[in-house]
Amino acid sequence: MNRYRCPITWFFMTWAWAVYAPSLGLAAAGLSHEASIAGGNIFSRTFVVADWMSPQAKLALGALIALGLWFARALTSLAQLVGASMLAAVFAMAADLALLPAGWSRGFGGSLTGLRFDPATLPYYLGGAAIGGGLGATSYHFCRTKSSSRARD
């Protein structure tokens, strides 16, 4: 099980940030109707936006991120790993926005604004995915480095 700890952490960090970072941006910019109804502080509005995102959108995003990270897992350099992870997360987000049927995308993409690639929301989605990919890859790299140094001790 210890062998899977770092890749699982990488996946969940990337996926969670790819969901919550755009939600923070959308809530702060007032681009989500649910956030404006919810009121409260920015963190509660962020949670409302992320929670309103359909389970199908979250699961599809997770599956696409996992596929992208699987291809990037053999990279050893931190810079290569971060770049590949960011690219995988951005590609996963773009594919999710493009391919998810409208009926499955409640609170996400085309369902949120009426356009799949709305210029007002697209920077939040792709930027959040890039942040998620970078943070996830960094955590994976340091976890892997820490695990290998423990193995030598």
N, C-alpha and C. Protein backbone atom coordinates (compact mmCIF):
# COMPACT_ATOMS: atom_id res chain seq x y z
N MET A 1 0.83 -1.20 0.00
CA MET A 1 0.00 0.00 0.00
C MET A 1 0.87 1.26 0.00
N ASN A 2 2.02 1.17 0.65
CA ASN A 2 2.92 2.32 0.72
C ASN A 2 3.37 2.76 -0.67
N ARG A 3 3.44 1.82 -1.59
CA ARG A 3 3.86 2.10 -2.96
C ARG A 3 2.88 3.03 -3.68
N TYR A 4 1.62 2.98 -3.28
CA TYR A 4 0.58 3.76 -3.94
C TYR A 4 0.31 5.11 -3.27
N ARG A 5 0.91 5.34 -2.13
CA ARG A 5 0.64 6.56 -1.36
C ARG A 5 0.96 7.82 -2.16
N CYS A 6 2.10 7.90 -2.78
CA CYS A 6 2.49 9.10 -3.53
C CYS A 6 1.63 9.33 -4.78
N PRO A 7 1.39 8.30 -5.62
CA PRO A 7 0.53 8.55 -6.78
C PRO A 7 -0.92 8.91 -6.40
N ILE A 8 -1.43 8.31 -5.34
CA ILE A 8 -2.79 8.63 -4.90
C ILE A 8 -2.86 10.06 -4.39
N THR A 9 -1.84 10.48 -3.65
CA THR A 9 -1.78 11.87 -3.18
C THR A 9 -1.71 12.82 -4.37
N TRP A 10 -0.90 12.49 -5.35
CA TRP A 10 -0.76 13.30 -6.57
C TRP A 10 -2.11 13.46 -7.26
N PHE A 11 -2.81 12.35 -7.44
CA PHE A 11 -4.10 12.40 -8.11
C PHE A 11 -5.10 13.26 -7.34
N PHE A 12 -5.26 13.00 -6.04
CA PHE A 12 -6.28 13.73 -5.28
C PHE A 12 -5.94 15.20 -5.12
N MET A 13 -4.66 15.53 -4.97
CA MET A 13 -4.29 16.95 -4.90
C MET A 13 -4.63 17.65 -6.22
N THR A 14 -4.28 17.02 -7.32
CA THR A 14 -4.55 17.61 -8.64
C THR A 14 -6.04 17.75 -8.86
N TRP A 15 -6.79 16.71 -8.60
CA TRP A 15 -8.23 16.72 -8.84
C TRP A 15 -8.95 17.74 -7.93
N ALA A 16 -8.62 17.74 -6.65
CA ALA A 16 -9.29 18.66 -5.72
C ALA A 16 -9.01 20.12 -6.08
N TRP A 17 -7.76 20.43 -6.39
CA TRP A 17 -7.45 21.81 -6.79
C TRP A 17 -8.09 22.16 -8.13
N ALA A 18 -8.19 21.19 -9.04
CA ALA A 18 -8.81 21.45 -10.34
C ALA A 18 -10.32 21.69 -10.20
N VAL A 19 -10.92 21.22 -9.12
CA VAL A 19 -12.34 21.49 -8.85
C VAL A 19 -12.50 22.78 -8.04
N TYR A 20 -11.70 22.93 -6.98
CA TYR A 20 -11.92 24.04 -6.05
C TYR A 20 -11.30 25.37 -6.48
N ALA A 21 -10.19 25.36 -7.20
CA ALA A 21 -9.59 26.63 -7.64
C ALA A 21 -10.51 27.37 -8.62
N PRO A 22 -11.07 26.69 -9.63
CA PRO A 22 -12.03 27.41 -10.49
C PRO A 22 -13.27 27.86 -9.71
N SER A 23 -13.69 27.05 -8.76
CA SER A 23 -14.86 27.41 -7.95
C SER A 23 -14.60 28.67 -7.16
N LEU A 24 -13.39 28.81 -6.63
CA LEU A 24 -13.02 30.03 -5.92
C LEU A 24 -13.07 31.24 -6.85
N GLY A 25 -12.51 31.10 -8.03
CA GLY A 25 -12.51 32.20 -9.00
C GLY A 25 -13.92 32.57 -9.45
N LEU A 26 -14.73 31.56 -9.74
CA LEU A 26 -16.11 31.82 -10.17
C LEU A 26 -16.93 32.47 -9.07
N ALA A 27 -16.73 32.04 -7.84
CA ALA A 27 -17.45 32.63 -6.71
C ALA A 27 -17.00 34.06 -6.47
N ALA A 28 -15.70 34.30 -6.53
CA ALA A 28 -15.17 35.65 -6.30
C ALA A 28 -15.61 36.63 -7.39
N ALA A 29 -15.69 36.13 -8.63
CA ALA A 29 -16.08 36.99 -9.75
C ALA A 29 -17.60 37.15 -9.87
N GLY A 30 -18.35 36.39 -9.08
CA GLY A 30 -19.81 36.46 -9.14
C GLY A 30 -20.39 35.83 -10.39
N LEU A 31 -19.69 34.86 -10.97
CA LEU A 31 -20.15 34.23 -12.21
C LEU A 31 -21.04 33.02 -11.98
N SER A 32 -21.27 32.66 -10.72
CA SER A 32 -22.13 31.53 -10.42
C SER A 32 -23.36 32.02 -9.66
N HIS A 33 -24.51 31.68 -10.19
CA HIS A 33 -25.77 32.09 -9.57
C HIS A 33 -25.90 31.48 -8.17
N GLU A 34 -25.47 30.23 -8.01
CA GLU A 34 -25.58 29.55 -6.72
C GLU A 34 -24.76 30.26 -5.64
N ALA A 35 -23.59 30.75 -6.01
CA ALA A 35 -22.75 31.45 -5.04
C ALA A 35 -23.39 32.75 -4.59
N SER A 36 -24.04 33.45 -5.51
CA SER A 36 -24.66 34.72 -5.14
C SER A 36 -25.87 34.49 -4.24
N ILE A 37 -26.57 33.38 -4.41
CA ILE A 37 -27.70 33.06 -3.55
C ILE A 37 -27.22 32.65 -2.16
N ALA A 38 -26.11 31.90 -2.12
CA ALA A 38 -25.63 31.34 -0.86
C ALA A 38 -25.19 32.41 0.13
N GLY A 39 -24.60 33.49 -0.36
CA GLY A 39 -24.09 34.51 0.55
C GLY A 39 -22.93 33.96 1.37
N GLY A 40 -22.67 34.57 2.50
CA GLY A 40 -21.57 34.11 3.35
C GLY A 40 -20.24 34.59 2.84
N ASN A 41 -19.18 34.03 3.45
CA ASN A 41 -17.84 34.43 3.05
C ASN A 41 -17.41 33.71 1.77
N ILE A 42 -16.27 34.08 1.26
CA ILE A 42 -15.79 33.55 -0.02
C ILE A 42 -15.57 32.04 0.04
N PHE A 43 -15.19 31.53 1.20
CA PHE A 43 -14.92 30.09 1.30
C PHE A 43 -16.22 29.29 1.26
N SER A 44 -17.26 29.79 1.90
CA SER A 44 -18.54 29.08 1.84
C SER A 44 -19.13 29.16 0.43
N ARG A 45 -18.96 30.29 -0.24
CA ARG A 45 -19.45 30.42 -1.62
C ARG A 45 -18.66 29.51 -2.55
N THR A 46 -17.36 29.37 -2.31
CA THR A 46 -16.53 28.46 -3.10
C THR A 46 -17.03 27.03 -2.96
N PHE A 47 -17.32 26.64 -1.73
CA PHE A 47 -17.81 25.28 -1.50
C PHE A 47 -19.15 25.07 -2.20
N VAL A 48 -20.02 26.06 -2.17
CA VAL A 48 -21.33 25.95 -2.84
C VAL A 48 -21.13 25.75 -4.34
N VAL A 49 -20.24 26.52 -4.95
CA VAL A 49 -19.99 26.37 -6.39
C VAL A 49 -19.43 24.98 -6.70
N ALA A 50 -18.46 24.52 -5.91
CA ALA A 50 -17.87 23.20 -6.14
C ALA A 50 -18.90 22.10 -5.89
N ASP A 51 -19.73 22.27 -4.88
CA ASP A 51 -20.73 21.28 -4.55
C ASP A 51 -21.81 21.22 -5.62
N TRP A 52 -22.13 22.35 -6.24
CA TRP A 52 -23.15 22.40 -7.27
C TRP A 52 -22.69 21.76 -8.57
N MET A 53 -21.39 21.66 -8.76
CA MET A 53 -20.85 20.99 -9.95
C MET A 53 -21.31 19.53 -9.94
N SER A 54 -21.84 19.06 -11.04
CA SER A 54 -22.44 17.73 -11.08
C SER A 54 -21.42 16.63 -10.79
N PRO A 55 -21.89 15.54 -10.16
CA PRO A 55 -20.98 14.40 -9.91
C PRO A 55 -20.38 13.84 -11.20
N GLN A 56 -21.15 13.85 -12.28
CA GLN A 56 -20.63 13.33 -13.55
C GLN A 56 -19.46 14.18 -14.04
N ALA A 57 -19.56 15.50 -13.88
CA ALA A 57 -18.46 16.37 -14.30
C ALA A 57 -17.22 16.12 -13.46
N LYS A 58 -17.41 15.95 -12.16
CA LYS A 58 -16.27 15.69 -11.27
C LYS A 58 -15.64 14.34 -11.57
N LEU A 59 -16.47 13.31 -11.78
CA LEU A 59 -15.93 11.98 -12.07
C LEU A 59 -15.22 11.93 -13.42
N ALA A 60 -15.81 12.57 -14.41
CA ALA A 60 -15.17 12.60 -15.74
C ALA A 60 -13.84 13.34 -15.66
N LEU A 61 -13.82 14.46 -14.93
CA LEU A 61 -12.57 15.20 -14.76
C LEU A 61 -11.54 14.34 -14.06
N GLY A 62 -11.95 13.64 -13.02
CA GLY A 62 -11.03 12.76 -12.29
C GLY A 62 -10.47 11.66 -13.17
N ALA A 63 -11.32 11.05 -13.98
CA ALA A 63 -10.86 9.98 -14.87
C ALA A 63 -9.87 10.50 -15.91
N LEU A 64 -10.16 11.66 -16.46
CA LEU A 64 -9.25 12.25 -17.46
C LEU A 64 -7.93 12.68 -16.84
N ILE A 65 -7.99 13.23 -15.63
CA ILE A 65 -6.76 13.60 -14.92
C ILE A 65 -5.93 12.35 -14.63
N ALA A 66 -6.58 11.30 -14.13
CA ALA A 66 -5.86 10.06 -13.82
C ALA A 66 -5.15 9.51 -15.05
N LEU A 67 -5.83 9.55 -16.19
CA LEU A 67 -5.22 9.07 -17.44
C LEU A 67 -3.99 9.91 -17.79
N GLY A 68 -4.10 11.22 -17.69
CA GLY A 68 -2.97 12.09 -18.00
C GLY A 68 -1.80 11.89 -17.05
N LEU A 69 -2.10 11.73 -15.76
CA LEU A 69 -1.03 11.54 -14.78
C LEU A 69 -0.35 10.19 -14.95
N TRP A 70 -1.11 9.20 -15.41
CA TRP A 70 -0.53 7.88 -15.64
C TRP A 70 0.60 7.98 -16.67
N PHE A 71 0.40 8.79 -17.70
CA PHE A 71 1.43 8.96 -18.72
C PHE A 71 2.64 9.74 -18.19
N ALA A 72 2.42 10.61 -17.22
CA ALA A 72 3.50 11.47 -16.71
C ALA A 72 4.27 10.84 -15.55
N ARG A 73 3.86 9.69 -15.07
CA ARG A 73 4.41 9.12 -13.83
C ARG A 73 5.89 8.76 -13.89
N ALA A 74 6.42 8.50 -15.06
CA ALA A 74 7.82 8.07 -15.18
C ALA A 74 8.81 9.22 -15.18
N LEU A 75 8.34 10.45 -15.27
CA LEU A 75 9.25 11.59 -15.31
C LEU A 75 9.92 11.76 -13.95
N THR A 76 11.19 12.15 -13.96
CA THR A 76 11.91 12.27 -12.70
C THR A 76 12.23 13.71 -12.33
N SER A 77 12.46 14.56 -13.28
CA SER A 77 12.76 15.96 -13.01
C SER A 77 11.51 16.68 -12.52
N LEU A 78 11.66 17.51 -11.50
CA LEU A 78 10.52 18.25 -10.96
C LEU A 78 9.91 19.15 -12.02
N ALA A 79 10.73 19.83 -12.80
CA ALA A 79 10.22 20.72 -13.84
C ALA A 79 9.42 19.96 -14.89
N GLN A 80 9.93 18.82 -15.33
CA GLN A 80 9.20 18.01 -16.30
C GLN A 80 7.90 17.48 -15.71
N LEU A 81 7.97 17.06 -14.47
CA LEU A 81 6.80 16.51 -13.80
C LEU A 81 5.71 17.56 -13.63
N VAL A 82 6.10 18.75 -13.20
CA VAL A 82 5.12 19.84 -13.02
C VAL A 82 4.53 20.23 -14.37
N GLY A 83 5.36 20.38 -15.38
CA GLY A 83 4.87 20.74 -16.70
C GLY A 83 3.91 19.71 -17.27
N ALA A 84 4.27 18.45 -17.17
CA ALA A 84 3.41 17.38 -17.69
C ALA A 84 2.11 17.28 -16.90
N SER A 85 2.20 17.45 -15.61
CA SER A 85 1.01 17.37 -14.77
C SER A 85 0.06 18.55 -15.03
N MET A 86 0.62 19.73 -15.20
CA MET A 86 -0.20 20.89 -15.52
C MET A 86 -0.87 20.71 -16.88
N LEU A 87 -0.12 20.23 -17.84
CA LEU A 87 -0.65 19.98 -19.18
C LEU A 87 -1.75 18.92 -19.14
N ALA A 88 -1.53 17.86 -18.38
CA ALA A 88 -2.53 16.80 -18.26
C ALA A 88 -3.82 17.33 -17.63
N ALA A 89 -3.69 18.14 -16.59
CA ALA A 89 -4.87 18.68 -15.91
C ALA A 89 -5.62 19.67 -16.80
N VAL A 90 -4.89 20.52 -17.51
CA VAL A 90 -5.54 21.48 -18.42
C VAL A 90 -6.23 20.74 -19.56
N PHE A 91 -5.57 19.74 -20.12
CA PHE A 91 -6.18 18.94 -21.18
C PHE A 91 -7.43 18.23 -20.66
N ALA A 92 -7.36 17.68 -19.45
CA ALA A 92 -8.52 17.00 -18.86
C ALA A 92 -9.68 17.97 -18.68
N MET A 93 -9.40 19.17 -18.21
CA MET A 93 -10.46 20.16 -18.01
C MET A 93 -11.07 20.56 -19.36
N ALA A 94 -10.23 20.81 -20.35
CA ALA A 94 -10.73 21.20 -21.67
C ALA A 94 -11.56 20.07 -22.29
N ALA A 95 -11.11 18.84 -22.15
CA ALA A 95 -11.86 17.71 -22.68
C ALA A 95 -13.18 17.54 -21.95
N ASP A 96 -13.17 17.74 -20.64
CA ASP A 96 -14.40 17.66 -19.85
C ASP A 96 -15.39 18.73 -20.30
N LEU A 97 -14.91 19.95 -20.50
CA LEU A 97 -15.77 21.04 -20.97
C LEU A 97 -16.32 20.74 -22.36
N ALA A 98 -15.50 20.16 -23.21
CA ALA A 98 -15.91 19.93 -24.60
C ALA A 98 -16.82 18.73 -24.77
N LEU A 99 -16.57 17.67 -24.01
CA LEU A 99 -17.23 16.40 -24.29
C LEU A 99 -18.40 16.04 -23.38
N LEU A 100 -18.48 16.63 -22.21
CA LEU A 100 -19.53 16.26 -21.27
C LEU A 100 -20.89 16.74 -21.79
N PRO A 101 -21.86 15.84 -21.89
CA PRO A 101 -23.19 16.26 -22.36
C PRO A 101 -23.80 17.33 -21.44
N ALA A 102 -24.57 18.21 -22.03
CA ALA A 102 -25.16 19.32 -21.26
C ALA A 102 -25.99 18.83 -20.08
N GLY A 103 -26.68 17.73 -20.24
CA GLY A 103 -27.50 17.19 -19.15
C GLY A 103 -26.70 16.71 -17.96
N TRP A 104 -25.42 16.46 -18.15
CA TRP A 104 -24.56 15.97 -17.08
C TRP A 104 -23.68 17.07 -16.48
N SER A 105 -23.81 18.28 -16.97
CA SER A 105 -22.85 19.31 -16.56
C SER A 105 -23.47 20.40 -15.68
N ARG A 106 -24.37 20.00 -14.79
CA ARG A 106 -24.98 20.98 -13.88
C ARG A 106 -23.90 21.78 -13.13
N GLY A 107 -24.02 23.10 -13.19
CA GLY A 107 -23.10 23.96 -12.47
C GLY A 107 -21.69 23.99 -13.03
N PHE A 108 -21.52 23.56 -14.26
CA PHE A 108 -20.18 23.44 -14.84
C PHE A 108 -20.24 23.76 -16.33
N GLY A 109 -19.29 24.52 -16.80
CA GLY A 109 -19.13 24.78 -18.23
C GLY A 109 -20.37 25.35 -18.89
N GLY A 110 -20.84 24.64 -19.91
CA GLY A 110 -21.97 25.10 -20.69
C GLY A 110 -23.25 25.24 -19.88
N SER A 111 -23.42 24.43 -18.87
CA SER A 111 -24.61 24.52 -18.04
C SER A 111 -24.60 25.78 -17.17
N LEU A 112 -23.43 26.25 -16.86
CA LEU A 112 -23.31 27.43 -15.99
C LEU A 112 -23.63 28.72 -16.75
N THR A 113 -23.13 28.85 -17.96
CA THR A 113 -23.29 30.11 -18.70
C THR A 113 -23.99 29.97 -20.04
N GLY A 114 -24.19 28.75 -20.50
CA GLY A 114 -24.80 28.55 -21.80
C GLY A 114 -23.79 28.30 -22.91
N LEU A 115 -22.52 28.54 -22.65
CA LEU A 115 -21.45 28.29 -23.63
C LEU A 115 -20.45 27.31 -23.05
N ARG A 116 -20.04 26.34 -23.83
CA ARG A 116 -19.04 25.38 -23.33
C ARG A 116 -17.71 26.06 -23.02
N PHE A 117 -17.27 26.92 -23.92
CA PHE A 117 -15.99 27.63 -23.74
C PHE A 117 -16.25 29.12 -23.61
N ASP A 118 -16.97 29.51 -22.59
CA ASP A 118 -17.30 30.91 -22.34
C ASP A 118 -16.02 31.67 -21.99
N PRO A 119 -15.73 32.76 -22.70
CA PRO A 119 -14.51 33.53 -22.41
C PRO A 119 -14.47 34.09 -20.99
N ALA A 120 -15.61 34.25 -20.37
CA ALA A 120 -15.63 34.76 -19.00
C ALA A 120 -15.22 33.70 -17.98
N THR A 121 -15.54 32.44 -18.22
CA THR A 121 -15.25 31.38 -17.25
C THR A 121 -14.05 30.51 -17.61
N LEU A 122 -13.70 30.46 -18.89
CA LEU A 122 -12.61 29.58 -19.34
C LEU A 122 -11.28 29.82 -18.61
N PRO A 123 -10.87 31.07 -18.38
CA PRO A 123 -9.61 31.26 -17.65
C PRO A 123 -9.64 30.67 -16.23
N TYR A 124 -10.79 30.71 -15.59
CA TYR A 124 -10.91 30.13 -14.25
C TYR A 124 -10.77 28.61 -14.30
N TYR A 125 -11.45 27.99 -15.28
CA TYR A 125 -11.36 26.53 -15.40
C TYR A 125 -9.96 26.06 -15.75
N LEU A 126 -9.37 26.65 -16.78
CA LEU A 126 -8.04 26.20 -17.21
C LEU A 126 -6.95 26.61 -16.24
N GLY A 127 -7.07 27.81 -15.68
CA GLY A 127 -6.11 28.25 -14.67
C GLY A 127 -6.16 27.40 -13.42
N GLY A 128 -7.37 27.07 -12.98
CA GLY A 128 -7.51 26.21 -11.80
C GLY A 128 -6.94 24.82 -12.04
N ALA A 129 -7.16 24.30 -13.25
CA ALA A 129 -6.60 22.98 -13.58
C ALA A 129 -5.08 23.04 -13.60
N ALA A 130 -4.51 24.11 -14.14
CA ALA A 130 -3.05 24.25 -14.16
C ALA A 130 -2.49 24.34 -12.74
N ILE A 131 -3.16 25.10 -11.89
CA ILE A 131 -2.73 25.19 -10.48
C ILE A 131 -2.78 23.80 -9.84
N GLY A 132 -3.88 23.09 -10.08
CA GLY A 132 -4.01 21.75 -9.53
C GLY A 132 -2.91 20.82 -10.01
N GLY A 133 -2.61 20.86 -11.29
CA GLY A 133 -1.55 20.02 -11.83
C GLY A 133 -0.19 20.34 -11.23
N GLY A 134 0.09 21.62 -11.08
CA GLY A 134 1.38 22.02 -10.51
C GLY A 134 1.52 21.63 -9.05
N LEU A 135 0.49 21.88 -8.26
CA LEU A 135 0.55 21.53 -6.83
C LEU A 135 0.57 20.02 -6.63
N GLY A 136 -0.23 19.30 -7.43
CA GLY A 136 -0.24 17.85 -7.31
C GLY A 136 1.11 17.24 -7.66
N ALA A 137 1.73 17.72 -8.73
CA ALA A 137 3.03 17.19 -9.14
C ALA A 137 4.11 17.51 -8.12
N THR A 138 4.04 18.70 -7.55
CA THR A 138 5.02 19.07 -6.52
C THR A 138 4.88 18.17 -5.31
N SER A 139 3.65 17.90 -4.88
CA SER A 139 3.46 17.02 -3.73
C SER A 139 3.93 15.60 -4.05
N TYR A 140 3.67 15.15 -5.27
CA TYR A 140 4.11 13.82 -5.69
C TYR A 140 5.64 13.72 -5.69
N HIS A 141 6.29 14.74 -6.23
CA HIS A 141 7.75 14.73 -6.29
C HIS A 141 8.35 14.67 -4.89
N PHE A 142 7.85 15.50 -3.98
CA PHE A 142 8.41 15.52 -2.63
C PHE A 142 8.06 14.26 -1.86
N CYS A 143 6.89 13.70 -2.10
CA CYS A 143 6.52 12.44 -1.47
C CYS A 143 7.44 11.32 -1.95
N ARG A 144 7.67 11.29 -3.25
CA ARG A 144 8.53 10.26 -3.84
C ARG A 144 9.97 10.41 -3.35
N THR A 145 10.44 11.66 -3.26
CA THR A 145 11.79 11.91 -2.77
C THR A 145 11.93 11.49 -1.31
N LYS A 146 10.94 11.83 -0.52
CA LYS A 146 10.94 11.47 0.90
C LYS A 146 10.89 9.96 1.07
N SER A 147 10.07 9.29 0.26
CA SER A 147 9.95 7.83 0.35
C SER A 147 11.25 7.14 -0.03
N SER A 148 11.93 7.66 -1.05
CA SER A 148 13.19 7.03 -1.46
C SER A 148 14.29 7.28 -0.45
N SER A 149 14.26 8.43 0.22
CA SER A 149 15.29 8.67 1.25
C SER A 149 15.03 7.81 2.48
N ARG A 150 13.79 7.51 2.79
CA ARG A 150 13.47 6.59 3.90
C ARG A 150 13.94 5.18 3.58
N ALA A 151 13.81 4.79 2.32
CA ALA A 151 14.21 3.44 1.92
C ALA A 151 15.72 3.25 2.06
N ARG A 152 16.50 4.34 1.90
CA ARG A 152 17.95 4.23 2.03
C ARG A 152 18.40 4.19 3.48
N ASP A 153 17.60 4.74 4.38
CA ASP A 153 17.99 4.77 5.81
C ASP A 153 17.93 3.44 6.47
